[in-house]
Amino acid sequence: MNRINRLKISIYKDILITLFLVLVSIPIWLSFDLTELEEAKKYDNYNYINYEYLNNPHYTLMSVSDDYGLKNIETQDIVVYNYTKADATYTLVLRIDKNSTINIEDIRLNVNFEVQALTNYRFYEDSKYYYYIIDSDSIQGSSQKYVLSMWNAENIEQDINKTFDYDFVIM
């Protein structure tokens, strides 16, 4: 019984010493200069993603079959890269101006030689643009190449007065 009482006293003593050391150390830690910590925090949200447009074609959005479009329409090539060890995420988006007068439902999009209707992609909008999400991914110490092209679905009549203002954006 005496041994248990000594053990209890020893445990209480350890707890009190720990609490005392914590309370004494708080003002010491608060007295340190934290400007370096603030500078380091700036890099917490740093984006390590870089991208490069390898070419910049101009699309007339011809009305062609998917097979013809894959073989004959010039592609927009984009390389997204992150050569650091930090894991970074990105989203490839097709941004279309709302003032465009073309019928978006007729557009076919080739992404790395897989063709789909543009309306099959998720999108969101703000007051000025539609944003079609082409791909979202994360990369670390590597790169990802995108081969993109667009055309109108087959048998769609073209109106040369219609406008289509767009760009591919990495977010």
N, C-alpha and C. Protein backbone atom coordinates (compact mmCIF):
# COMPACT_ATOMS: atom_id res chain seq x y z
N MET A 1 0.82 -1.19 0.00
CA MET A 1 0.00 0.00 0.00
C MET A 1 0.87 1.26 0.00
N ASN A 2 1.94 1.19 0.77
CA ASN A 2 2.88 2.31 0.84
C ASN A 2 3.51 2.57 -0.53
N ARG A 3 3.78 1.48 -1.22
CA ARG A 3 4.38 1.58 -2.54
C ARG A 3 3.43 2.26 -3.53
N ILE A 4 2.14 1.97 -3.46
CA ILE A 4 1.14 2.58 -4.34
C ILE A 4 1.03 4.07 -4.05
N ASN A 5 1.07 4.44 -2.78
CA ASN A 5 0.99 5.86 -2.41
C ASN A 5 2.20 6.63 -2.96
N ARG A 6 3.39 6.01 -2.87
CA ARG A 6 4.58 6.66 -3.41
C ARG A 6 4.48 6.81 -4.94
N LEU A 7 3.91 5.81 -5.59
CA LEU A 7 3.73 5.86 -7.04
C LEU A 7 2.76 6.99 -7.41
N LYS A 8 1.67 7.14 -6.67
CA LYS A 8 0.71 8.21 -6.92
C LYS A 8 1.37 9.57 -6.74
N ILE A 9 2.12 9.71 -5.68
CA ILE A 9 2.80 10.98 -5.41
C ILE A 9 3.81 11.28 -6.52
N SER A 10 4.49 10.28 -6.98
CA SER A 10 5.46 10.46 -8.05
C SER A 10 4.77 10.90 -9.35
N ILE A 11 3.63 10.30 -9.65
CA ILE A 11 2.88 10.67 -10.87
C ILE A 11 2.38 12.10 -10.75
N TYR A 12 1.81 12.48 -9.60
CA TYR A 12 1.32 13.84 -9.40
C TYR A 12 2.47 14.84 -9.52
N LYS A 13 3.60 14.47 -8.96
CA LYS A 13 4.78 15.33 -9.01
C LYS A 13 5.23 15.53 -10.46
N ASP A 14 5.25 14.46 -11.28
CA ASP A 14 5.62 14.56 -12.69
C ASP A 14 4.65 15.45 -13.46
N ILE A 15 3.35 15.32 -13.18
CA ILE A 15 2.34 16.14 -13.84
C ILE A 15 2.53 17.61 -13.49
N LEU A 16 2.75 17.91 -12.23
CA LEU A 16 2.94 19.30 -11.80
C LEU A 16 4.21 19.90 -12.39
N ILE A 17 5.29 19.14 -12.44
CA ILE A 17 6.53 19.64 -13.03
C ILE A 17 6.33 19.92 -14.53
N THR A 18 5.62 19.04 -15.23
CA THR A 18 5.36 19.23 -16.65
C THR A 18 4.53 20.49 -16.88
N LEU A 19 3.47 20.67 -16.09
CA LEU A 19 2.64 21.87 -16.22
C LEU A 19 3.45 23.14 -15.93
N PHE A 20 4.30 23.09 -14.91
CA PHE A 20 5.13 24.23 -14.58
C PHE A 20 6.07 24.58 -15.73
N LEU A 21 6.70 23.56 -16.33
CA LEU A 21 7.62 23.80 -17.44
C LEU A 21 6.89 24.37 -18.66
N VAL A 22 5.69 23.89 -18.91
CA VAL A 22 4.92 24.41 -20.04
C VAL A 22 4.56 25.87 -19.79
N LEU A 23 4.08 26.18 -18.61
CA LEU A 23 3.69 27.56 -18.30
C LEU A 23 4.89 28.51 -18.33
N VAL A 24 6.03 28.06 -17.88
CA VAL A 24 7.23 28.90 -17.90
C VAL A 24 7.75 29.07 -19.32
N SER A 25 7.61 28.06 -20.16
CA SER A 25 8.17 28.13 -21.51
C SER A 25 7.32 28.98 -22.47
N ILE A 26 6.04 29.19 -22.18
CA ILE A 26 5.18 29.97 -23.08
C ILE A 26 5.73 31.38 -23.29
N PRO A 27 6.04 32.14 -22.25
CA PRO A 27 6.59 33.48 -22.52
C PRO A 27 7.93 33.45 -23.25
N ILE A 28 8.71 32.43 -23.01
CA ILE A 28 10.00 32.31 -23.71
C ILE A 28 9.76 32.11 -25.21
N TRP A 29 8.85 31.22 -25.60
CA TRP A 29 8.55 30.98 -27.00
C TRP A 29 7.94 32.21 -27.66
N LEU A 30 7.10 32.94 -26.92
CA LEU A 30 6.47 34.12 -27.48
C LEU A 30 7.46 35.27 -27.68
N SER A 31 8.57 35.24 -27.00
CA SER A 31 9.56 36.31 -27.15
C SER A 31 10.43 36.14 -28.39
N PHE A 32 10.38 35.00 -29.07
CA PHE A 32 11.19 34.79 -30.27
C PHE A 32 10.69 35.64 -31.42
N ASP A 33 11.59 35.98 -32.32
CA ASP A 33 11.26 36.75 -33.52
C ASP A 33 10.60 35.80 -34.53
N LEU A 34 9.38 36.11 -34.93
CA LEU A 34 8.61 35.23 -35.81
C LEU A 34 8.56 35.71 -37.25
N THR A 35 9.40 36.66 -37.62
CA THR A 35 9.34 37.16 -39.00
C THR A 35 9.74 36.07 -40.00
N GLU A 36 10.68 35.22 -39.63
CA GLU A 36 11.05 34.12 -40.53
C GLU A 36 9.90 33.14 -40.71
N LEU A 37 9.15 32.94 -39.65
CA LEU A 37 7.99 32.05 -39.74
C LEU A 37 6.94 32.64 -40.69
N GLU A 38 6.72 33.93 -40.59
CA GLU A 38 5.77 34.58 -41.49
C GLU A 38 6.24 34.49 -42.94
N GLU A 39 7.52 34.63 -43.16
CA GLU A 39 8.07 34.50 -44.51
C GLU A 39 7.88 33.08 -45.02
N ALA A 40 8.09 32.10 -44.16
CA ALA A 40 7.92 30.70 -44.56
C ALA A 40 6.45 30.38 -44.86
N LYS A 41 5.53 31.00 -44.14
CA LYS A 41 4.10 30.75 -44.37
C LYS A 41 3.65 31.22 -45.75
N LYS A 42 4.35 32.18 -46.33
CA LYS A 42 4.00 32.63 -47.67
C LYS A 42 4.07 31.49 -48.68
N TYR A 43 4.97 30.54 -48.44
CA TYR A 43 5.17 29.44 -49.38
C TYR A 43 4.23 28.27 -49.15
N ASP A 44 3.40 28.34 -48.12
CA ASP A 44 2.42 27.28 -47.89
C ASP A 44 1.46 27.16 -49.06
N ASN A 45 1.03 28.28 -49.60
CA ASN A 45 0.07 28.28 -50.69
C ASN A 45 0.71 28.54 -52.04
N TYR A 46 2.00 28.39 -52.12
CA TYR A 46 2.70 28.64 -53.37
C TYR A 46 2.34 27.56 -54.38
N ASN A 47 2.07 27.98 -55.59
CA ASN A 47 1.71 27.04 -56.64
C ASN A 47 2.97 26.66 -57.42
N TYR A 48 3.31 25.40 -57.43
CA TYR A 48 4.49 24.91 -58.11
C TYR A 48 4.21 24.48 -59.55
N ILE A 49 2.99 24.68 -59.99
CA ILE A 49 2.59 24.29 -61.34
C ILE A 49 3.02 25.36 -62.33
N ASN A 50 3.67 24.94 -63.39
CA ASN A 50 3.99 25.81 -64.52
C ASN A 50 3.41 25.17 -65.77
N TYR A 51 3.19 25.96 -66.78
CA TYR A 51 2.66 25.40 -68.02
C TYR A 51 3.21 26.19 -69.20
N GLU A 52 3.14 25.53 -70.35
CA GLU A 52 3.68 26.13 -71.56
C GLU A 52 2.79 25.74 -72.73
N TYR A 53 2.42 26.73 -73.53
CA TYR A 53 1.68 26.49 -74.77
C TYR A 53 2.70 26.22 -75.86
N LEU A 54 2.67 25.04 -76.44
CA LEU A 54 3.66 24.68 -77.45
C LEU A 54 3.33 25.26 -78.82
N ASN A 55 2.07 25.54 -79.06
CA ASN A 55 1.65 26.19 -80.31
C ASN A 55 0.33 26.91 -80.03
N ASN A 56 -0.12 27.69 -80.99
CA ASN A 56 -1.34 28.46 -80.77
C ASN A 56 -2.16 28.50 -82.05
N PRO A 57 -2.89 27.44 -82.34
CA PRO A 57 -3.68 27.42 -83.58
C PRO A 57 -4.93 28.29 -83.44
N HIS A 58 -5.48 28.66 -84.57
CA HIS A 58 -6.74 29.40 -84.60
C HIS A 58 -7.79 28.47 -85.20
N TYR A 59 -8.84 28.23 -84.45
CA TYR A 59 -9.87 27.30 -84.92
C TYR A 59 -10.99 28.04 -85.63
N THR A 60 -11.36 27.54 -86.80
CA THR A 60 -12.51 28.07 -87.52
C THR A 60 -13.75 27.25 -87.19
N LEU A 61 -13.57 26.20 -86.44
CA LEU A 61 -14.64 25.28 -86.05
C LEU A 61 -15.42 24.77 -87.26
N MET A 62 -14.67 24.12 -88.15
CA MET A 62 -15.27 23.50 -89.32
C MET A 62 -16.23 22.40 -88.88
N SER A 63 -17.23 22.16 -89.68
CA SER A 63 -18.18 21.09 -89.42
C SER A 63 -17.67 19.82 -90.10
N VAL A 64 -17.08 18.93 -89.29
CA VAL A 64 -16.46 17.72 -89.84
C VAL A 64 -16.79 16.52 -88.95
N SER A 65 -16.48 15.35 -89.46
CA SER A 65 -16.65 14.13 -88.66
C SER A 65 -15.53 14.06 -87.63
N ASP A 66 -15.73 13.26 -86.59
CA ASP A 66 -14.71 13.11 -85.56
C ASP A 66 -13.43 12.51 -86.14
N ASP A 67 -13.57 11.55 -87.02
CA ASP A 67 -12.40 10.91 -87.62
C ASP A 67 -11.58 11.92 -88.43
N TYR A 68 -12.27 12.73 -89.22
CA TYR A 68 -11.57 13.76 -90.01
C TYR A 68 -10.93 14.79 -89.07
N GLY A 69 -11.63 15.20 -88.03
CA GLY A 69 -11.10 16.18 -87.09
C GLY A 69 -9.84 15.70 -86.39
N LEU A 70 -9.84 14.43 -85.99
CA LEU A 70 -8.65 13.88 -85.33
C LEU A 70 -7.44 13.86 -86.25
N LYS A 71 -7.66 13.61 -87.52
CA LYS A 71 -6.54 13.46 -88.45
C LYS A 71 -6.08 14.77 -89.06
N ASN A 72 -6.96 15.76 -89.20
CA ASN A 72 -6.63 16.92 -90.03
C ASN A 72 -6.66 18.27 -89.33
N ILE A 73 -7.25 18.39 -88.18
CA ILE A 73 -7.33 19.69 -87.52
C ILE A 73 -6.13 19.87 -86.60
N GLU A 74 -5.50 21.03 -86.70
CA GLU A 74 -4.30 21.32 -85.91
C GLU A 74 -4.63 21.29 -84.41
N THR A 75 -3.71 20.79 -83.65
CA THR A 75 -3.93 20.66 -82.21
C THR A 75 -3.28 21.80 -81.44
N GLN A 76 -3.86 22.09 -80.29
CA GLN A 76 -3.27 23.02 -79.31
C GLN A 76 -2.57 22.14 -78.29
N ASP A 77 -1.26 22.23 -78.19
CA ASP A 77 -0.49 21.39 -77.27
C ASP A 77 -0.09 22.21 -76.05
N ILE A 78 -0.39 21.66 -74.88
CA ILE A 78 -0.08 22.33 -73.62
C ILE A 78 0.67 21.33 -72.74
N VAL A 79 1.78 21.79 -72.15
CA VAL A 79 2.52 20.96 -71.20
C VAL A 79 2.39 21.60 -69.83
N VAL A 80 1.92 20.81 -68.87
CA VAL A 80 1.82 21.24 -67.48
C VAL A 80 2.90 20.50 -66.72
N TYR A 81 3.70 21.23 -65.95
CA TYR A 81 4.80 20.56 -65.26
C TYR A 81 5.01 21.10 -63.86
N ASN A 82 5.56 20.23 -63.04
CA ASN A 82 5.96 20.53 -61.67
C ASN A 82 7.21 19.71 -61.42
N TYR A 83 8.36 20.35 -61.42
CA TYR A 83 9.61 19.62 -61.25
C TYR A 83 10.11 19.67 -59.81
N THR A 84 9.25 20.03 -58.88
CA THR A 84 9.63 20.02 -57.47
C THR A 84 9.13 18.73 -56.82
N LYS A 85 9.53 18.52 -55.59
CA LYS A 85 9.06 17.35 -54.85
C LYS A 85 7.73 17.61 -54.17
N ALA A 86 7.24 18.85 -54.25
CA ALA A 86 5.95 19.19 -53.65
C ALA A 86 4.82 18.70 -54.55
N ASP A 87 3.82 18.12 -53.96
CA ASP A 87 2.65 17.66 -54.70
C ASP A 87 1.77 18.87 -54.97
N ALA A 88 1.41 19.11 -56.22
CA ALA A 88 0.62 20.28 -56.59
C ALA A 88 -0.53 19.85 -57.50
N THR A 89 -1.67 20.45 -57.29
CA THR A 89 -2.84 20.14 -58.11
C THR A 89 -3.12 21.27 -59.08
N TYR A 90 -3.77 20.93 -60.17
CA TYR A 90 -4.14 21.91 -61.18
C TYR A 90 -5.42 21.47 -61.86
N THR A 91 -6.03 22.40 -62.58
CA THR A 91 -7.22 22.12 -63.36
C THR A 91 -7.06 22.76 -64.73
N LEU A 92 -7.26 21.98 -65.79
CA LEU A 92 -7.24 22.49 -67.15
C LEU A 92 -8.68 22.86 -67.50
N VAL A 93 -8.86 24.11 -67.92
CA VAL A 93 -10.20 24.65 -68.15
C VAL A 93 -10.27 25.28 -69.53
N LEU A 94 -11.38 25.08 -70.21
CA LEU A 94 -11.67 25.81 -71.43
C LEU A 94 -12.58 26.96 -71.03
N ARG A 95 -12.07 28.17 -71.16
CA ARG A 95 -12.82 29.37 -70.76
C ARG A 95 -13.43 29.99 -72.02
N ILE A 96 -14.77 30.12 -72.02
CA ILE A 96 -15.48 30.66 -73.18
C ILE A 96 -16.20 31.93 -72.76
N ASP A 97 -15.99 32.98 -73.53
CA ASP A 97 -16.64 34.26 -73.26
C ASP A 97 -18.14 34.12 -73.51
N LYS A 98 -18.94 34.67 -72.61
CA LYS A 98 -20.40 34.57 -72.76
C LYS A 98 -20.92 35.39 -73.94
N ASN A 99 -20.12 36.30 -74.45
CA ASN A 99 -20.52 37.08 -75.61
C ASN A 99 -20.36 36.30 -76.92
N SER A 100 -19.79 35.11 -76.86
CA SER A 100 -19.66 34.28 -78.06
C SER A 100 -21.04 33.90 -78.54
N THR A 101 -21.21 33.92 -79.86
CA THR A 101 -22.53 33.64 -80.43
C THR A 101 -22.65 32.25 -81.02
N ILE A 102 -21.60 31.47 -80.97
CA ILE A 102 -21.64 30.12 -81.52
C ILE A 102 -22.47 29.21 -80.61
N ASN A 103 -23.05 28.18 -81.17
CA ASN A 103 -23.82 27.22 -80.39
C ASN A 103 -22.85 26.23 -79.74
N ILE A 104 -22.69 26.33 -78.44
CA ILE A 104 -21.72 25.51 -77.71
C ILE A 104 -22.10 24.03 -77.76
N GLU A 105 -23.36 23.73 -77.92
CA GLU A 105 -23.81 22.33 -77.95
C GLU A 105 -23.29 21.57 -79.17
N ASP A 106 -22.86 22.30 -80.20
CA ASP A 106 -22.39 21.65 -81.43
C ASP A 106 -20.89 21.37 -81.41
N ILE A 107 -20.17 21.86 -80.42
CA ILE A 107 -18.71 21.76 -80.41
C ILE A 107 -18.26 20.37 -79.94
N ARG A 108 -17.32 19.81 -80.69
CA ARG A 108 -16.68 18.54 -80.33
C ARG A 108 -15.26 18.88 -79.86
N LEU A 109 -14.82 18.23 -78.79
CA LEU A 109 -13.51 18.52 -78.21
C LEU A 109 -12.67 17.25 -78.16
N ASN A 110 -11.46 17.35 -78.70
CA ASN A 110 -10.49 16.26 -78.66
C ASN A 110 -9.52 16.56 -77.52
N VAL A 111 -9.45 15.66 -76.55
CA VAL A 111 -8.49 15.76 -75.46
C VAL A 111 -7.66 14.49 -75.48
N ASN A 112 -6.40 14.63 -75.88
CA ASN A 112 -5.49 13.48 -75.98
C ASN A 112 -6.10 12.35 -76.80
N PHE A 113 -6.68 12.73 -77.93
CA PHE A 113 -7.23 11.82 -78.93
C PHE A 113 -8.47 11.06 -78.46
N GLU A 114 -9.18 11.63 -77.50
CA GLU A 114 -10.49 11.13 -77.09
C GLU A 114 -11.49 12.25 -77.35
N VAL A 115 -12.47 12.00 -78.20
CA VAL A 115 -13.40 13.04 -78.64
C VAL A 115 -14.72 12.91 -77.89
N GLN A 116 -15.20 14.05 -77.40
CA GLN A 116 -16.50 14.13 -76.74
C GLN A 116 -17.15 15.45 -77.09
N ALA A 117 -18.45 15.51 -76.90
CA ALA A 117 -19.15 16.79 -77.03
C ALA A 117 -18.73 17.68 -75.86
N LEU A 118 -18.58 18.95 -76.12
CA LEU A 118 -18.16 19.88 -75.06
C LEU A 118 -19.16 19.87 -73.91
N THR A 119 -20.41 19.67 -74.21
CA THR A 119 -21.44 19.68 -73.16
C THR A 119 -21.34 18.49 -72.21
N ASN A 120 -20.53 17.49 -72.53
CA ASN A 120 -20.34 16.35 -71.63
C ASN A 120 -19.43 16.69 -70.45
N TYR A 121 -18.71 17.79 -70.55
CA TYR A 121 -17.81 18.20 -69.47
C TYR A 121 -18.56 19.04 -68.45
N ARG A 122 -18.13 18.90 -67.19
CA ARG A 122 -18.72 19.75 -66.14
C ARG A 122 -18.31 21.19 -66.40
N PHE A 123 -19.18 22.11 -66.02
CA PHE A 123 -18.83 23.51 -66.20
C PHE A 123 -19.42 24.34 -65.08
N TYR A 124 -18.89 25.52 -64.93
CA TYR A 124 -19.46 26.52 -64.06
C TYR A 124 -19.32 27.86 -64.77
N GLU A 125 -19.95 28.87 -64.25
CA GLU A 125 -19.94 30.15 -64.93
C GLU A 125 -19.89 31.29 -63.93
N ASP A 126 -19.41 32.42 -64.42
CA ASP A 126 -19.49 33.66 -63.66
C ASP A 126 -20.18 34.67 -64.57
N SER A 127 -20.07 35.92 -64.26
CA SER A 127 -20.79 36.93 -65.04
C SER A 127 -20.24 37.10 -66.45
N LYS A 128 -18.99 36.69 -66.68
CA LYS A 128 -18.37 36.94 -67.98
C LYS A 128 -18.03 35.68 -68.78
N TYR A 129 -17.78 34.55 -68.12
CA TYR A 129 -17.28 33.36 -68.80
C TYR A 129 -18.02 32.09 -68.38
N TYR A 130 -17.96 31.10 -69.30
CA TYR A 130 -18.26 29.71 -68.97
C TYR A 130 -16.90 29.03 -68.81
N TYR A 131 -16.79 28.16 -67.81
CA TYR A 131 -15.55 27.44 -67.56
C TYR A 131 -15.85 25.94 -67.65
N TYR A 132 -15.35 25.30 -68.71
CA TYR A 132 -15.52 23.86 -68.88
C TYR A 132 -14.28 23.17 -68.34
N ILE A 133 -14.48 22.28 -67.37
CA ILE A 133 -13.37 21.59 -66.72
C ILE A 133 -12.97 20.39 -67.57
N ILE A 134 -11.80 20.50 -68.18
CA ILE A 134 -11.30 19.46 -69.07
C ILE A 134 -10.62 18.35 -68.27
N ASP A 135 -9.78 18.72 -67.32
CA ASP A 135 -9.07 17.73 -66.52
C ASP A 135 -8.59 18.37 -65.23
N SER A 136 -8.56 17.58 -64.17
CA SER A 136 -7.97 17.99 -62.89
C SER A 136 -7.04 16.87 -62.45
N ASP A 137 -5.88 17.25 -61.99
CA ASP A 137 -4.89 16.24 -61.61
C ASP A 137 -3.90 16.85 -60.65
N SER A 138 -3.06 16.02 -60.09
CA SER A 138 -1.95 16.52 -59.27
C SER A 138 -0.67 15.87 -59.79
N ILE A 139 0.39 16.65 -59.80
CA ILE A 139 1.66 16.13 -60.29
C ILE A 139 2.77 16.52 -59.33
N GLN A 140 3.78 15.67 -59.32
CA GLN A 140 4.93 15.88 -58.45
C GLN A 140 6.16 15.39 -59.19
N GLY A 141 7.04 16.32 -59.51
CA GLY A 141 8.29 15.96 -60.17
C GLY A 141 8.12 15.39 -61.56
N SER A 142 7.08 15.82 -62.27
CA SER A 142 6.85 15.30 -63.62
C SER A 142 6.08 16.32 -64.45
N SER A 143 5.62 15.87 -65.61
CA SER A 143 4.85 16.75 -66.49
C SER A 143 3.70 15.97 -67.11
N GLN A 144 2.75 16.71 -67.63
CA GLN A 144 1.60 16.13 -68.31
C GLN A 144 1.36 16.94 -69.58
N LYS A 145 1.28 16.26 -70.71
CA LYS A 145 1.04 16.94 -71.98
C LYS A 145 -0.41 16.73 -72.40
N TYR A 146 -1.02 17.81 -72.90
CA TYR A 146 -2.39 17.75 -73.40
C TYR A 146 -2.36 18.11 -74.88
N VAL A 147 -3.03 17.30 -75.68
CA VAL A 147 -3.20 17.55 -77.11
C VAL A 147 -4.69 17.83 -77.29
N LEU A 148 -5.00 19.08 -77.68
CA LEU A 148 -6.39 19.53 -77.73
C LEU A 148 -6.73 20.07 -79.12
N SER A 149 -7.95 19.81 -79.54
CA SER A 149 -8.46 20.43 -80.77
C SER A 149 -9.98 20.44 -80.69
N MET A 150 -10.58 21.32 -81.51
CA MET A 150 -12.04 21.48 -81.50
C MET A 150 -12.56 21.61 -82.92
N TRP A 151 -13.82 21.22 -83.09
CA TRP A 151 -14.52 21.41 -84.35
C TRP A 151 -16.01 21.30 -84.07
N ASN A 152 -16.80 21.67 -85.05
CA ASN A 152 -18.25 21.53 -84.95
C ASN A 152 -18.64 20.11 -85.32
N ALA A 153 -19.73 19.65 -84.76
CA ALA A 153 -20.23 18.32 -85.09
C ALA A 153 -20.55 18.26 -86.58
N GLU A 154 -20.55 17.06 -87.11
CA GLU A 154 -20.79 16.86 -88.53
C GLU A 154 -22.20 17.33 -88.89
N ASN A 155 -22.36 17.86 -90.11
CA ASN A 155 -23.63 18.33 -90.67
C ASN A 155 -24.20 19.54 -89.95
N ILE A 156 -23.37 20.36 -89.35
CA ILE A 156 -23.81 21.61 -88.73
C ILE A 156 -23.48 22.74 -89.70
N GLU A 157 -24.47 23.55 -90.02
CA GLU A 157 -24.22 24.67 -90.93
C GLU A 157 -23.42 25.74 -90.22
N GLN A 158 -22.39 26.24 -90.90
CA GLN A 158 -21.56 27.28 -90.32
C GLN A 158 -22.06 28.65 -90.72
N ASP A 159 -22.05 29.56 -89.76
CA ASP A 159 -22.38 30.96 -90.02
C ASP A 159 -21.12 31.75 -89.73
N ILE A 160 -20.57 32.41 -90.73
CA ILE A 160 -19.29 33.11 -90.55
C ILE A 160 -19.43 34.33 -89.64
N ASN A 161 -20.64 34.75 -89.36
CA ASN A 161 -20.85 35.91 -88.49
C ASN A 161 -20.84 35.54 -87.01
N LYS A 162 -20.85 34.25 -86.70
CA LYS A 162 -20.85 33.84 -85.29
C LYS A 162 -19.44 33.94 -84.73
N THR A 163 -19.36 34.32 -83.47
CA THR A 163 -18.05 34.49 -82.82
C THR A 163 -17.85 33.40 -81.78
N PHE A 164 -16.57 33.13 -81.52
CA PHE A 164 -16.21 32.14 -80.52
C PHE A 164 -14.91 32.59 -79.86
N ASP A 165 -15.04 33.22 -78.70
CA ASP A 165 -13.88 33.70 -77.96
C ASP A 165 -13.62 32.74 -76.82
N TYR A 166 -12.46 32.12 -76.84
CA TYR A 166 -12.12 31.07 -75.86
C TYR A 166 -10.63 31.11 -75.59
N ASP A 167 -10.22 30.42 -74.53
CA ASP A 167 -8.82 30.12 -74.29
C ASP A 167 -8.75 28.98 -73.29
N PHE A 168 -7.66 28.23 -73.38
CA PHE A 168 -7.40 27.16 -72.43
C PHE A 168 -6.59 27.76 -71.29
N VAL A 169 -7.01 27.48 -70.06
CA VAL A 169 -6.40 28.09 -68.88
C VAL A 169 -6.05 26.99 -67.89
N ILE A 170 -4.90 27.14 -67.24
CA ILE A 170 -4.50 26.26 -66.14
C ILE A 170 -4.77 27.00 -64.85
N MET A 171 -5.55 26.40 -63.99
CA MET A 171 -5.88 27.02 -62.70
C MET A 171 -5.34 26.17 -61.56
